[in-house]
Amino acid sequence: MDLNLALASIRGFDRVGNSGAASGAAGGAAAPAAQTGPSFADALQNAAETTVGDLRNAEKLSMQALTGDADIREVTDAVMSAEQNLQAAIAIRDKIVTAFLEISRMQI
């Protein structure tokens, strides 16, 4: 799935979830608190960009090591960091897919 498409659908869900219909149904209930931090979609996008940056850095250092321009320790550190970030991104993706599948199975 395209990252931009996934983020757009998450942003759309956030808009629907924060619509005025929910607060109007409560009849004078207090308005939801103002958003104080980054949205969930922004946090996902930031994590994805960091992961892609680490992967590109590891690849660049690996290519430099092949030509003898980089220290093997730097390459190892970069590859290990990229691998950890990639594993975290995969775990987050799996949790999001699982949550989506559970929501889609709910009866209305």
Protein backbone atom coordinates (compact mmCIF):
# COMPACT_ATOMS: atom_id res chain seq x y z
CA MET A 1 0.00 0.00 0.00
CA ASP A 2 1.25 3.45 -0.84
CA LEU A 3 2.37 5.37 2.25
CA ASN A 4 0.69 8.61 1.17
CA LEU A 5 -2.61 6.81 0.54
CA ALA A 6 -2.47 5.17 3.97
CA LEU A 7 -1.68 8.47 5.68
CA ALA A 8 -4.49 10.22 3.80
CA SER A 9 -6.99 7.61 4.96
CA ILE A 10 -5.75 7.93 8.55
CA ARG A 11 -6.11 11.71 8.36
CA GLY A 12 -9.62 11.28 6.94
CA PHE A 13 -10.53 8.96 9.81
CA ASP A 14 -9.25 11.55 12.29
CA ARG A 15 -11.49 14.20 10.72
CA VAL A 16 -14.51 11.92 10.86
CA GLY A 17 -13.74 10.93 14.44
CA ASN A 18 -13.50 14.57 15.53
CA SER A 19 -16.63 15.74 13.72
CA GLY A 20 -19.26 17.84 15.43
CA ALA A 21 -21.84 15.03 15.29
CA ALA A 22 -20.39 13.28 18.32
CA SER A 23 -20.35 16.39 20.49
CA GLY A 24 -23.81 17.48 19.29
CA ALA A 25 -25.34 14.15 20.28
CA ALA A 26 -24.28 14.70 23.88
CA GLY A 27 -26.35 17.90 23.97
CA GLY A 28 -24.13 20.57 25.47
CA ALA A 29 -21.29 18.31 26.52
CA ALA A 30 -17.88 19.89 26.82
CA ALA A 31 -15.97 20.24 23.58
CA PRO A 32 -13.02 17.88 23.10
CA ALA A 33 -9.69 19.20 24.30
CA ALA A 34 -7.47 20.91 21.75
CA GLN A 35 -4.86 18.75 20.13
CA THR A 36 -1.58 19.32 21.94
CA GLY A 37 0.83 17.13 19.98
CA PRO A 38 1.32 15.74 16.51
CA SER A 39 -1.50 13.69 15.02
CA PHE A 40 -1.23 9.94 14.68
CA ALA A 41 -0.76 10.27 10.92
CA ASP A 42 2.06 12.79 11.42
CA ALA A 43 3.77 10.47 13.90
CA LEU A 44 3.51 7.58 11.41
CA GLN A 45 4.85 9.71 8.59
CA ASN A 46 7.77 10.89 10.75
CA ALA A 47 8.60 7.29 11.72
CA ALA A 48 8.45 6.16 8.10
CA GLU A 49 10.69 9.00 6.93
CA THR A 50 13.22 8.23 9.68
CA THR A 51 13.25 4.55 8.74
CA VAL A 52 13.74 5.30 5.05
CA GLY A 53 16.54 7.76 5.88
CA ASP A 54 18.32 5.17 8.02
CA LEU A 55 18.00 2.55 5.28
CA ARG A 56 19.43 4.93 2.68
CA ASN A 57 22.29 5.89 5.01
CA ALA A 58 23.12 2.22 5.64
CA GLU A 59 23.08 1.52 1.91
CA LYS A 60 25.32 4.52 1.21
CA LEU A 61 27.82 3.48 3.87
CA SER A 62 27.78 -0.10 2.56
CA MET A 63 28.65 1.13 -0.91
CA GLN A 64 31.42 3.30 0.52
CA ALA A 65 32.79 0.28 2.40
CA LEU A 66 32.99 -1.66 -0.84
CA THR A 67 35.24 1.03 -2.29
CA GLY A 68 37.26 1.25 0.93
CA ASP A 69 36.02 4.72 1.93
CA ALA A 70 34.13 3.75 5.11
CA ASP A 71 35.05 2.06 8.37
CA ILE A 72 33.48 -1.37 8.88
CA ARG A 73 32.29 -0.35 12.37
CA GLU A 74 30.34 2.60 10.95
CA VAL A 75 28.77 0.33 8.36
CA THR A 76 27.83 -2.25 10.97
CA ASP A 77 26.29 0.37 13.25
CA ALA A 78 24.31 1.91 10.39
CA VAL A 79 23.03 -1.45 9.15
CA MET A 80 22.04 -2.59 12.66
CA SER A 81 20.21 0.70 13.30
CA ALA A 82 18.41 0.44 9.96
CA GLU A 83 17.45 -3.16 10.70
CA GLN A 84 16.00 -2.23 14.11
CA ASN A 85 13.98 0.62 12.60
CA LEU A 86 12.73 -1.62 9.81
CA GLN A 87 11.65 -4.30 12.28
CA ALA A 88 9.79 -1.67 14.32
CA ALA A 89 8.09 -0.34 11.17
CA ILE A 90 7.01 -3.85 10.21
CA ALA A 91 5.62 -4.47 13.70
CA ILE A 92 3.66 -1.20 13.59
CA ARG A 93 2.32 -2.04 10.15
CA ASP A 94 1.21 -5.48 11.34
CA LYS A 95 -0.61 -3.96 14.33
CA ILE A 96 -2.38 -1.41 12.10
CA VAL A 97 -3.45 -4.11 9.63
CA THR A 98 -4.71 -6.30 12.48
CA ALA A 99 -6.69 -3.40 13.95
CA PHE A 100 -8.17 -2.56 10.54
CA LEU A 101 -9.20 -6.17 9.97
CA GLU A 102 -10.87 -6.34 13.39
CA ILE A 103 -12.76 -3.10 12.73
CA SER A 104 -13.86 -4.32 9.31
CA ARG A 105 -15.26 -7.52 10.87
CA MET A 106 -17.45 -5.60 13.31
CA GLN A 107 -21.14 -5.79 12.59
CA ILE A 108 -23.02 -2.56 12.24
